[in-house]
Amino acid sequence: MRMTSSLFPWKGGSGRTKWPRAWPPIHASAGPAEVEHAWDPLLATCQEMARARGIPQILSLSQPISGLDPLAVLTRQLGSLPPNRSSSYCYLSHQAQGERVRVLGWGSLRQLDLSGEGRFQAARAFVQALQPHVHTAPGNLESPSSRQERPLCFCRFGFAPRSGGGAALVLPRWQLLQVGGELTVARLNLEVGPESDPAALAGQIAAFFARMQRLSQAPLPGWELQPPLPVAVAETPLLARIQKALQAIQAGSLEKVVLAEAVDLALPSPPPIPSLLAYLEAHHPDCSVFAFALESQRDFPPQIFLGASPERLLSVWQGRVQIDALAGSVARGANGHQDRMLAEQLLRSPKDRREHQWVVRSIQEALGRLGMEPRISPQPRLRRLANIQHLQTVIEAELPTEVHLFDLLAQLHPTAAVGGYPQQAALQWLEQWEPFDRSSYAAPLGWVDLQGNGELVVGIRSALIAGKRARLYAGAGIVADSNPAQELAEIRLKLHSLAQALALQPLPD
């Protein structure tokens, strides 16, 4: 594991530091000098803690700003980078209690490489070691009442422990969080060292919030759709793999295995990432839209992993856990009558119900290994998306006090929805027969806070983009009575929606 952080190794704490009970409100109309002066006591207290502990502390400050669109800000940030330069950024947009939650993180203040067998344990250690050294006004992170009050870390895992680069856990330099499309909470994470210049830090704080205020009415650039990019699936080798999977299932070594396909595309130009994300939100409103990029070496285009996932892997909030079991698929109909017929066909399909049940069972077993008692609906329901519909079962449980989100993730991933069943037998089969590295396809990604709450989705319906090259991913679950031609058609259907999005062209300003 590689940790890029001046906070490691920890040297221990020196007891609690009392923060003032309240800070004067900072109004949008305040001038630069007034704003900088307001941060003085915060910075002084944080610097005292840095001196007492002998290591830098992180001060996390937030301010609500009306009309600030995270994707419009991302557009401006990417446009302001010098030629041949890149920056880390993370974006996740998902539905929560009927409202769309959109979170953007920019830059990397602390970062952990997430490769190797102990990656989930390392992620837990990283977050727990960071927690006592990150401070919000007016106090430490003990009982914030909402997500808006919390600095977040963004994570992107690889499907396998040694999957290709880009897997990381990042505390961004700043984040934007918007709930419901109205107010956006802008948050700055600032390192305060024993010898830091408080005046310079106060200037950075004032400059950040002033810039966010200036961007509060910035529009998102428009786009126009071009004809979908052609997606050529290599049918013969894919059908051969499906047949090999069926043979393994018939021999009794597997119950289910999920085959993935990767298709490489040459793009006419690097895609406009913020516009692409806005398009995915508009056309896949029930999906979680994501993008994750790490700063690349000079003269190399950044690798951006993005997509629109229908599958929430894991949601943890104050000890309550929700997990989606999503498996079994059919296309949407051309009209209402056909759509209902296809839905009924899916609900009654023995093959799809069996495929779905292996996913539910794999999740149930993972929770049981941690002593958790899941609550599972007796029958799956329909999950209707823009061009496909799935069987879905929502599983709920209570997280034991001693179990961290990353402990649960280590047991869950990969579920039978993206790997197979039994888990280890399916992974061994994929390692032998899958001819490419999945990278972060079908892997967990999302955000976690320093208390162990989080929202993680499965990185499916996704693509890995670098400049004018893109690799699209899609998969299908194979069980005993799978039809190879139907599985091939399902993979094509899943690839098509992202190929359409990649055909976007930005409109001139």
Protein backbone atom coordinates (compact mmCIF):
# COMPACT_ATOMS: atom_id res chain seq x y z
CA MET A 1 0.00 0.00 0.00
CA ARG A 2 1.34 3.47 -0.86
CA MET A 3 0.28 6.34 1.38
CA THR A 4 0.92 9.84 0.05
CA SER A 5 0.34 11.81 3.22
CA SER A 6 2.42 13.84 5.65
CA LEU A 7 0.08 12.64 8.41
CA PHE A 8 1.71 9.18 8.49
CA PRO A 9 3.08 7.75 10.70
CA TRP A 10 0.96 9.17 13.50
CA LYS A 11 2.80 10.46 16.55
CA GLY A 12 -0.15 10.40 18.92
CA GLY A 13 -2.44 13.06 20.31
CA SER A 14 -2.21 15.41 23.26
CA GLY A 15 -5.77 15.51 24.56
CA ARG A 16 -8.77 17.52 23.47
CA THR A 17 -8.52 21.12 22.41
CA LYS A 18 -11.53 23.30 23.16
CA TRP A 19 -12.95 25.25 20.26
CA PRO A 20 -15.05 28.38 20.72
CA ARG A 21 -18.78 27.63 21.09
CA ALA A 22 -19.75 29.55 17.97
CA TRP A 23 -18.27 31.52 15.13
CA PRO A 24 -19.72 34.70 13.68
CA PRO A 25 -21.61 33.99 10.43
CA ILE A 26 -19.78 34.80 7.21
CA HIS A 27 -22.15 36.57 4.85
CA ALA A 28 -21.80 36.50 1.08
CA SER A 29 -21.58 40.29 1.08
CA ALA A 30 -18.58 40.39 3.41
CA GLY A 31 -15.42 41.92 1.97
CA PRO A 32 -12.11 40.02 1.69
CA ALA A 33 -10.54 41.63 4.76
CA GLU A 34 -13.65 40.93 6.86
CA VAL A 35 -13.74 37.29 5.75
CA GLU A 36 -10.03 36.74 6.37
CA HIS A 37 -10.33 38.25 9.85
CA ALA A 38 -13.22 35.92 10.72
CA TRP A 39 -11.04 32.84 10.16
CA ASP A 40 -8.23 34.03 12.46
CA PRO A 41 -9.41 32.28 15.67
CA LEU A 42 -10.11 29.05 13.77
CA LEU A 43 -6.64 29.00 12.27
CA ALA A 44 -4.98 29.89 15.56
CA THR A 45 -6.71 27.06 17.43
CA CYS A 46 -5.90 24.54 14.70
CA GLN A 47 -2.27 25.64 14.64
CA GLU A 48 -2.05 25.18 18.42
CA MET A 49 -3.18 21.59 17.92
CA ALA A 50 -0.62 21.05 15.15
CA ARG A 51 2.16 22.26 17.45
CA ALA A 52 0.95 20.16 20.37
CA ARG A 53 0.68 16.99 18.27
CA GLY A 54 3.76 17.63 16.16
CA ILE A 55 2.01 17.02 12.82
CA PRO A 56 -0.19 19.10 10.48
CA GLN A 57 -3.92 19.25 11.15
CA ILE A 58 -6.69 19.68 8.59
CA LEU A 59 -9.24 22.45 9.01
CA SER A 60 -12.47 21.78 7.10
CA LEU A 61 -14.67 24.83 6.51
CA SER A 62 -17.97 25.09 4.67
CA GLN A 63 -20.33 27.75 3.37
CA PRO A 64 -23.73 27.35 1.64
CA ILE A 65 -23.94 29.01 -1.77
CA SER A 66 -27.11 29.32 -3.81
CA GLY A 67 -27.09 28.50 -7.51
CA LEU A 68 -23.72 26.75 -7.57
CA ASP A 69 -23.84 23.82 -10.03
CA PRO A 70 -21.12 21.20 -9.38
CA LEU A 71 -20.83 20.29 -13.06
CA ALA A 72 -20.57 23.93 -14.11
CA VAL A 73 -17.74 24.32 -11.59
CA LEU A 74 -16.06 21.18 -12.92
CA THR A 75 -16.26 22.65 -16.43
CA ARG A 76 -14.48 25.82 -15.27
CA GLN A 77 -11.87 23.89 -13.30
CA LEU A 78 -10.96 21.63 -16.21
CA GLY A 79 -10.91 24.62 -18.56
CA SER A 80 -8.51 26.53 -16.31
CA LEU A 81 -5.84 23.80 -16.24
CA PRO A 82 -2.63 24.59 -18.16
CA PRO A 83 -2.01 22.58 -21.35
CA ASN A 84 -0.90 18.98 -20.75
CA ARG A 85 -1.81 19.19 -17.07
CA SER A 86 -4.48 17.31 -15.15
CA SER A 87 -5.93 17.13 -11.65
CA SER A 88 -7.65 14.54 -9.52
CA TYR A 89 -11.41 14.88 -9.28
CA CYS A 90 -14.33 12.72 -8.22
CA TYR A 91 -18.03 13.08 -8.97
CA LEU A 92 -21.00 11.06 -7.77
CA SER A 93 -24.65 11.82 -8.40
CA HIS A 94 -27.32 9.53 -6.94
CA GLN A 95 -30.90 9.46 -5.71
CA ALA A 96 -31.57 9.59 -1.96
CA GLN A 97 -35.08 9.83 -0.50
CA GLY A 98 -36.49 11.16 -3.75
CA GLU A 99 -33.85 13.86 -4.23
CA ARG A 100 -30.71 13.89 -6.36
CA VAL A 101 -27.52 14.25 -4.34
CA ARG A 102 -24.52 15.52 -6.33
CA VAL A 103 -21.02 15.57 -4.85
CA LEU A 104 -17.84 16.87 -6.48
CA GLY A 105 -14.36 16.58 -4.98
CA TRP A 106 -11.35 18.36 -6.51
CA GLY A 107 -7.65 17.80 -5.93
CA SER A 108 -5.99 15.49 -3.44
CA LEU A 109 -5.00 16.62 0.05
CA ARG A 110 -4.47 13.05 1.29
CA GLN A 111 -4.42 9.94 -0.87
CA LEU A 112 -4.07 6.18 -0.41
CA ASP A 113 -3.31 3.72 -3.19
CA LEU A 114 -5.91 0.92 -3.06
CA SER A 115 -4.12 -2.06 -4.56
CA GLY A 116 -3.13 -5.36 -3.03
CA GLU A 117 -4.78 -8.02 -0.91
CA GLY A 118 -5.16 -5.83 2.18
CA ARG A 119 -6.82 -2.89 0.40
CA PHE A 120 -10.06 -2.82 2.40
CA GLN A 121 -8.23 -3.05 5.73
CA ALA A 122 -5.85 -0.29 4.60
CA ALA A 123 -8.80 1.91 3.63
CA ARG A 124 -10.30 1.52 7.09
CA ALA A 125 -6.97 2.30 8.77
CA PHE A 126 -6.50 5.38 6.58
CA VAL A 127 -9.91 6.85 7.43
CA GLN A 128 -9.66 6.06 11.14
CA ALA A 129 -6.14 7.52 11.38
CA LEU A 130 -7.25 10.66 9.56
CA GLN A 131 -10.37 11.27 11.65
CA PRO A 132 -8.86 12.80 14.84
CA HIS A 133 -6.77 15.24 12.80
CA VAL A 134 -9.59 16.71 10.70
CA HIS A 135 -11.56 19.50 12.37
CA THR A 136 -14.70 21.36 11.45
CA ALA A 137 -15.94 24.57 13.03
CA PRO A 138 -17.11 24.77 15.72
CA GLY A 139 -15.75 21.39 16.86
CA ASN A 140 -14.48 17.92 16.13
CA LEU A 141 -16.41 15.44 14.00
CA GLU A 142 -18.36 13.70 16.76
CA SER A 143 -22.04 14.07 15.90
CA PRO A 144 -22.75 16.11 12.77
CA SER A 145 -26.45 15.86 11.99
CA SER A 146 -26.29 15.68 8.21
CA ARG A 147 -24.10 14.84 5.24
CA GLN A 148 -23.70 18.55 4.49
CA GLU A 149 -21.66 18.96 7.68
CA ARG A 150 -19.11 16.30 6.83
CA PRO A 151 -15.92 16.30 4.79
CA LEU A 152 -15.97 13.26 2.51
CA CYS A 153 -13.34 10.90 1.14
CA PHE A 154 -13.86 9.47 -2.34
CA CYS A 155 -12.89 5.90 -3.17
CA ARG A 156 -12.48 3.86 -6.31
CA PHE A 157 -11.43 0.23 -6.02
CA GLY A 158 -10.28 -2.18 -8.70
CA PHE A 159 -12.34 -5.29 -9.37
CA ALA A 160 -9.42 -7.50 -8.33
CA PRO A 161 -6.68 -6.67 -5.81
CA ARG A 162 -4.14 -6.28 -8.63
CA SER A 163 -6.39 -4.60 -11.18
CA GLY A 164 -4.93 -1.75 -13.25
CA GLY A 165 -4.02 1.64 -11.80
CA GLY A 166 -6.36 4.36 -10.65
CA ALA A 167 -7.73 2.71 -7.52
CA ALA A 168 -7.42 5.20 -4.67
CA LEU A 169 -8.99 6.71 -1.57
CA VAL A 170 -8.81 10.51 -1.66
CA LEU A 171 -9.54 13.36 0.73
CA PRO A 172 -10.05 16.21 -1.77
CA ARG A 173 -8.77 19.74 -1.36
CA TRP A 174 -12.34 20.93 -1.65
CA GLN A 175 -15.78 19.51 -2.24
CA LEU A 176 -19.23 20.65 -3.32
CA LEU A 177 -22.38 18.92 -2.10
CA GLN A 178 -25.80 19.69 -3.56
CA VAL A 179 -29.09 18.12 -2.46
CA GLY A 180 -32.19 18.65 -4.55
CA GLY A 181 -30.70 21.12 -7.02
CA GLU A 182 -30.95 24.26 -4.88
CA LEU A 183 -28.36 25.07 -2.24
CA THR A 184 -24.79 23.81 -2.61
CA VAL A 185 -22.46 23.47 0.37
CA ALA A 186 -18.90 24.39 -0.61
CA ARG A 187 -16.23 22.91 1.68
CA LEU A 188 -12.51 23.66 1.79
CA ASN A 189 -10.04 21.25 3.43
CA LEU A 190 -6.91 23.13 4.46
CA GLU A 191 -3.68 21.79 5.94
CA VAL A 192 -2.51 23.78 8.96
CA GLY A 193 1.04 22.98 10.05
CA PRO A 194 3.01 24.06 13.12
CA GLU A 195 4.86 26.68 11.05
CA SER A 196 2.09 27.67 8.62
CA ASP A 197 1.51 31.37 7.92
CA PRO A 198 -2.00 32.14 9.25
CA ALA A 199 -2.37 35.21 7.04
CA ALA A 200 -1.57 33.22 3.90
CA LEU A 201 -4.03 30.48 4.93
CA ALA A 202 -6.75 33.04 5.62
CA GLY A 203 -6.16 34.45 2.15
CA GLN A 204 -6.60 30.98 0.63
CA ILE A 205 -9.90 30.54 2.48
CA ALA A 206 -11.22 33.91 1.35
CA ALA A 207 -10.11 33.31 -2.25
CA PHE A 208 -11.80 29.90 -2.41
CA PHE A 209 -15.20 31.04 -1.16
CA ALA A 210 -15.03 34.21 -3.28
CA ARG A 211 -14.39 32.10 -6.39
CA MET A 212 -17.29 29.78 -5.57
CA GLN A 213 -19.54 32.83 -5.19
CA ARG A 214 -18.45 34.10 -8.62
CA LEU A 215 -19.27 30.72 -10.16
CA SER A 216 -22.68 30.51 -8.51
CA GLN A 217 -24.59 31.33 -11.71
CA ALA A 218 -22.21 29.76 -14.21
CA PRO A 219 -24.21 27.75 -16.78
CA LEU A 220 -23.41 24.25 -17.88
CA PRO A 221 -22.29 24.22 -21.53
CA GLY A 222 -24.70 22.70 -23.99
CA TRP A 223 -24.17 19.69 -26.19
CA GLU A 224 -25.54 18.06 -29.28
CA LEU A 225 -25.89 14.37 -30.00
CA GLN A 226 -24.10 12.82 -32.91
CA PRO A 227 -24.88 9.39 -34.40
CA PRO A 228 -23.93 6.67 -31.89
CA LEU A 229 -20.39 5.39 -32.14
CA PRO A 230 -20.26 1.91 -33.68
CA VAL A 231 -19.58 -0.82 -31.12
CA ALA A 232 -18.09 -3.98 -32.59
CA VAL A 233 -18.37 -6.94 -30.21
CA ALA A 234 -16.08 -9.86 -31.03
CA GLU A 235 -18.86 -12.44 -31.14
CA THR A 236 -16.89 -15.65 -31.69
CA PRO A 237 -14.56 -15.45 -28.65
CA LEU A 238 -17.35 -14.13 -26.43
CA LEU A 239 -19.71 -16.95 -27.41
CA ALA A 240 -16.88 -19.41 -26.81
CA ARG A 241 -16.42 -18.06 -23.27
CA ILE A 242 -20.16 -18.36 -22.65
CA GLN A 243 -20.00 -22.01 -23.73
CA LYS A 244 -17.02 -22.64 -21.43
CA ALA A 245 -18.96 -21.08 -18.56
CA LEU A 246 -21.97 -23.29 -19.26
CA GLN A 247 -19.71 -26.35 -19.30
CA ALA A 248 -18.27 -25.40 -15.90
CA ILE A 249 -21.79 -24.93 -14.52
CA GLN A 250 -22.94 -28.26 -15.94
CA ALA A 251 -19.88 -29.92 -14.39
CA GLY A 252 -20.95 -28.60 -10.99
CA SER A 253 -17.96 -26.35 -10.27
CA LEU A 254 -20.06 -23.16 -10.59
CA GLU A 255 -23.65 -22.09 -10.10
CA LYS A 256 -23.23 -18.72 -11.80
CA VAL A 257 -20.47 -16.66 -13.37
CA VAL A 258 -20.66 -13.11 -14.76
CA LEU A 259 -18.86 -12.65 -18.06
CA ALA A 260 -17.69 -9.18 -19.01
CA GLU A 261 -16.81 -7.77 -22.41
CA ALA A 262 -14.50 -4.83 -23.12
CA VAL A 263 -14.74 -2.88 -26.38
CA ASP A 264 -12.13 -0.28 -27.37
CA LEU A 265 -13.27 2.81 -29.28
CA ALA A 266 -11.39 5.59 -31.06
CA LEU A 267 -13.12 8.92 -30.34
CA PRO A 268 -13.08 11.92 -32.70
CA SER A 269 -11.96 14.14 -29.80
CA PRO A 270 -11.61 13.93 -26.02
CA PRO A 271 -15.19 13.92 -24.68
CA PRO A 272 -16.48 16.93 -22.69
CA ILE A 273 -16.69 15.16 -19.34
CA PRO A 274 -19.05 17.56 -17.48
CA SER A 275 -21.49 17.61 -20.41
CA LEU A 276 -21.28 13.83 -20.67
CA LEU A 277 -22.13 13.50 -16.97
CA ALA A 278 -25.04 15.93 -17.33
CA TYR A 279 -26.31 13.89 -20.29
CA LEU A 280 -26.13 10.67 -18.28
CA GLU A 281 -28.04 12.29 -15.40
CA ALA A 282 -30.76 13.50 -17.77
CA HIS A 283 -31.14 10.22 -19.68
CA HIS A 284 -30.57 7.81 -16.77
CA PRO A 285 -32.27 9.62 -13.86
CA ASP A 286 -32.62 6.45 -11.78
CA CYS A 287 -28.92 5.59 -12.02
CA SER A 288 -25.89 6.75 -10.06
CA VAL A 289 -23.68 8.81 -12.37
CA PHE A 290 -19.98 8.87 -11.53
CA ALA A 291 -16.55 9.99 -12.70
CA PHE A 292 -13.19 9.40 -11.05
CA ALA A 293 -9.87 10.79 -12.36
CA LEU A 294 -6.42 10.89 -10.79
CA GLU A 295 -3.74 13.40 -11.71
CA SER A 296 -1.61 11.95 -14.50
CA GLN A 297 2.02 12.41 -15.39
CA ARG A 298 2.84 15.37 -17.59
CA ASP A 299 2.03 14.91 -21.31
CA PHE A 300 -0.14 11.85 -20.60
CA PRO A 301 -3.93 12.20 -20.75
CA PRO A 302 -5.67 11.41 -17.45
CA GLN A 303 -7.59 8.16 -17.18
CA ILE A 304 -11.20 8.89 -16.31
CA PHE A 305 -13.47 6.09 -15.15
CA LEU A 306 -17.11 7.07 -15.56
CA GLY A 307 -20.56 5.65 -16.09
CA ALA A 308 -24.19 5.42 -15.01
CA SER A 309 -24.69 2.51 -12.63
CA PRO A 310 -28.14 1.13 -11.75
CA GLU A 311 -26.73 -0.78 -8.78
CA ARG A 312 -26.12 0.61 -5.31
CA LEU A 313 -23.74 -1.78 -3.63
CA LEU A 314 -23.85 -0.38 -0.13
CA SER A 315 -25.34 2.57 1.75
CA VAL A 316 -24.46 3.10 5.42
CA TRP A 317 -25.91 5.92 7.47
CA GLN A 318 -25.69 5.98 11.28
CA GLY A 319 -25.50 2.20 11.50
CA ARG A 320 -28.31 1.44 9.04
CA VAL A 321 -27.29 -0.58 5.98
CA GLN A 322 -29.01 -0.91 2.61
CA ILE A 323 -27.75 -3.15 -0.19
CA ASP A 324 -29.16 -3.71 -3.67
CA ALA A 325 -29.33 -7.17 -5.18
CA LEU A 326 -29.69 -6.56 -8.91
CA ALA A 327 -29.71 -9.43 -11.40
CA GLY A 328 -31.98 -10.72 -14.12
CA SER A 329 -32.58 -8.44 -17.11
CA VAL A 330 -34.80 -7.79 -20.10
CA ALA A 331 -35.11 -4.90 -22.56
CA ARG A 332 -37.77 -2.19 -22.30
CA GLY A 333 -40.67 -2.46 -24.72
CA ALA A 334 -41.37 -0.23 -27.71
CA ASN A 335 -44.78 0.67 -26.20
CA GLY A 336 -46.60 0.31 -22.91
CA HIS A 337 -48.20 -3.02 -23.77
CA GLN A 338 -44.95 -4.61 -24.91
CA ASP A 339 -43.13 -3.18 -21.89
CA ARG A 340 -45.61 -4.79 -19.50
CA MET A 341 -45.35 -8.12 -21.34
CA LEU A 342 -41.56 -8.09 -21.09
CA ALA A 343 -41.72 -7.18 -17.40
CA GLU A 344 -44.11 -10.05 -16.71
CA GLN A 345 -41.85 -12.37 -18.68
CA LEU A 346 -38.89 -11.30 -16.52
CA LEU A 347 -40.79 -11.80 -13.25
CA ARG A 348 -41.81 -15.32 -14.31
CA SER A 349 -38.51 -16.37 -15.89
CA PRO A 350 -37.01 -19.35 -13.99
CA LYS A 351 -33.59 -18.54 -15.40
CA ASP A 352 -33.64 -14.90 -14.27
CA ARG A 353 -35.16 -15.74 -10.88
CA ARG A 354 -32.41 -18.32 -10.33
CA GLU A 355 -29.72 -15.85 -11.37
CA HIS A 356 -31.20 -13.26 -9.01
CA GLN A 357 -31.43 -15.68 -6.11
CA TRP A 358 -27.71 -16.46 -6.25
CA VAL A 359 -27.02 -12.75 -5.79
CA VAL A 360 -29.35 -12.49 -2.79
CA ARG A 361 -27.78 -15.59 -1.29
CA SER A 362 -24.22 -14.30 -1.72
CA ILE A 363 -25.13 -11.05 0.07
CA GLN A 364 -26.94 -12.92 2.84
CA GLU A 365 -23.89 -15.11 3.42
CA ALA A 366 -21.54 -12.08 3.49
CA LEU A 367 -23.67 -10.37 6.14
CA GLY A 368 -23.90 -13.59 8.14
CA ARG A 369 -20.12 -13.86 8.33
CA LEU A 370 -20.15 -10.56 10.23
CA GLY A 371 -22.95 -11.62 12.57
CA MET A 372 -25.53 -9.43 10.85
CA GLU A 373 -29.17 -10.43 10.42
CA PRO A 374 -30.46 -9.13 7.07
CA ARG A 375 -34.07 -8.23 6.33
CA ILE A 376 -34.89 -9.48 2.83
CA SER A 377 -38.08 -9.02 0.82
CA PRO A 378 -39.60 -12.41 -0.07
CA GLN A 379 -40.04 -11.48 -3.75
CA PRO A 380 -37.96 -9.31 -6.09
CA ARG A 381 -39.44 -6.19 -7.65
CA LEU A 382 -38.90 -4.55 -11.01
CA ARG A 383 -36.25 -1.89 -11.46
CA ARG A 384 -37.11 -0.05 -14.69
CA LEU A 385 -34.37 1.97 -16.38
CA ALA A 386 -34.24 3.87 -19.67
CA ASN A 387 -33.48 0.93 -21.94
CA ILE A 388 -33.48 -2.12 -19.66
CA GLN A 389 -35.34 -3.51 -16.65
CA HIS A 390 -33.98 -5.69 -13.85
CA LEU A 391 -35.07 -7.78 -10.91
CA GLN A 392 -34.17 -6.00 -7.67
CA THR A 393 -34.23 -6.98 -4.00
CA VAL A 394 -33.37 -4.38 -1.35
CA ILE A 395 -31.62 -5.89 1.67
CA GLU A 396 -31.45 -4.03 5.00
CA ALA A 397 -29.51 -4.66 8.19
CA GLU A 398 -27.95 -3.00 11.22
CA LEU A 399 -24.18 -2.57 11.25
CA PRO A 400 -22.55 -3.84 14.47
CA THR A 401 -20.63 -1.16 16.34
CA GLU A 402 -17.29 -2.90 15.86
CA VAL A 403 -17.80 -3.44 12.12
CA HIS A 404 -16.67 -0.69 9.74
CA LEU A 405 -18.12 -0.02 6.30
CA PHE A 406 -14.87 -1.27 4.74
CA ASP A 407 -15.10 -4.52 6.75
CA LEU A 408 -18.52 -5.12 5.23
CA LEU A 409 -17.24 -4.17 1.79
CA ALA A 410 -14.44 -6.74 2.08
CA GLN A 411 -17.05 -9.46 2.64
CA LEU A 412 -19.46 -8.28 -0.06
CA HIS A 413 -17.19 -7.64 -3.03
CA PRO A 414 -17.64 -9.11 -5.50
CA THR A 415 -21.25 -10.17 -5.07
CA ALA A 416 -22.72 -12.79 -7.37
CA ALA A 417 -24.19 -9.90 -9.41
CA VAL A 418 -20.75 -9.12 -10.87
CA GLY A 419 -18.54 -12.11 -10.05
CA GLY A 420 -20.47 -15.31 -9.62
CA TYR A 421 -21.33 -18.04 -7.14
CA PRO A 422 -19.62 -19.59 -5.28
CA GLN A 423 -17.49 -16.47 -5.05
CA GLN A 424 -13.98 -17.93 -5.01
CA ALA A 425 -14.70 -20.54 -7.67
CA ALA A 426 -16.14 -17.85 -9.95
CA LEU A 427 -13.13 -15.57 -9.42
CA GLN A 428 -10.73 -18.38 -10.23
CA TRP A 429 -12.66 -19.15 -13.40
CA LEU A 430 -12.61 -15.48 -14.47
CA GLU A 431 -8.88 -15.21 -13.80
CA GLN A 432 -8.31 -18.15 -16.13
CA TRP A 433 -10.70 -17.28 -18.95
CA GLU A 434 -11.37 -13.53 -18.99
CA PRO A 435 -8.86 -12.07 -21.49
CA PHE A 436 -8.58 -8.51 -20.10
CA ASP A 437 -8.11 -6.57 -16.88
CA ARG A 438 -11.44 -5.27 -15.60
CA SER A 439 -9.77 -2.24 -13.98
CA SER A 440 -12.60 -0.70 -11.91
CA TYR A 441 -15.40 -2.26 -13.95
CA ALA A 442 -17.89 -3.88 -11.52
CA ALA A 443 -15.84 -2.64 -8.54
CA PRO A 444 -17.01 -0.47 -5.61
CA LEU A 445 -16.72 3.31 -5.85
CA GLY A 446 -18.30 6.28 -4.09
CA TRP A 447 -17.78 8.30 -0.94
CA VAL A 448 -17.24 7.65 2.76
CA ASP A 449 -17.02 10.05 5.66
CA LEU A 450 -14.72 9.90 8.66
CA GLN A 451 -17.37 8.24 10.84
CA GLY A 452 -17.84 5.26 8.53
CA ASN A 453 -20.99 6.39 6.75
CA GLY A 454 -20.94 6.10 2.98
CA GLU A 455 -22.59 5.59 -0.38
CA LEU A 456 -20.96 3.06 -2.71
CA VAL A 457 -22.17 1.94 -6.12
CA VAL A 458 -21.03 -0.83 -8.45
CA GLY A 459 -18.97 0.50 -11.37
CA ILE A 460 -21.02 -1.08 -14.16
CA ARG A 461 -22.37 0.45 -17.41
CA SER A 462 -19.01 2.19 -17.44
CA ALA A 463 -16.05 3.26 -19.54
CA LEU A 464 -12.39 4.07 -19.03
CA ILE A 465 -11.41 7.15 -21.06
CA ALA A 466 -7.94 8.51 -21.84
CA GLY A 467 -7.85 11.35 -24.34
CA LYS A 468 -9.37 10.12 -27.59
CA ARG A 469 -9.49 6.47 -26.52
CA ALA A 470 -12.27 4.75 -24.60
CA ARG A 471 -12.79 1.23 -23.32
CA LEU A 472 -16.45 0.33 -22.72
CA TYR A 473 -17.47 -2.46 -20.34
CA ALA A 474 -20.61 -4.56 -19.99
CA GLY A 475 -21.43 -8.00 -18.65
CA ALA A 476 -24.05 -10.71 -18.31
CA GLY A 477 -24.69 -13.41 -15.72
CA ILE A 478 -24.47 -17.00 -16.92
CA VAL A 479 -26.46 -19.76 -15.18
CA ALA A 480 -27.40 -23.30 -16.17
CA ASP A 481 -30.17 -22.45 -18.64
CA SER A 482 -28.62 -19.31 -20.16
CA ASN A 483 -29.06 -18.85 -23.89
CA PRO A 484 -25.76 -17.68 -25.46
CA ALA A 485 -27.47 -15.57 -28.14
CA GLN A 486 -29.63 -13.81 -25.55
CA GLU A 487 -26.61 -13.11 -23.32
CA LEU A 488 -24.78 -11.63 -26.30
CA ALA A 489 -27.78 -9.40 -27.06
CA GLU A 490 -27.90 -8.24 -23.41
CA ILE A 491 -24.24 -7.22 -23.48
CA ARG A 492 -24.78 -5.29 -26.73
CA LEU A 493 -27.78 -3.48 -25.22
CA LYS A 494 -25.75 -2.37 -22.20
CA LEU A 495 -22.85 -1.15 -24.36
CA HIS A 496 -25.11 0.90 -26.62
CA SER A 497 -26.26 3.50 -24.07
CA LEU A 498 -22.72 4.54 -23.16
CA ALA A 499 -21.63 4.54 -26.80
CA GLN A 500 -24.46 7.00 -27.44
CA ALA A 501 -23.27 9.26 -24.62
CA LEU A 502 -19.70 9.25 -25.94
CA ALA A 503 -20.94 10.68 -29.23
CA LEU A 504 -21.68 14.02 -27.54
CA GLN A 505 -20.15 17.15 -29.01
CA PRO A 506 -20.04 20.40 -26.99
CA LEU A 507 -21.80 23.45 -28.35
CA PRO A 508 -19.66 26.60 -28.69
CA ASP A 509 -20.00 29.11 -25.83
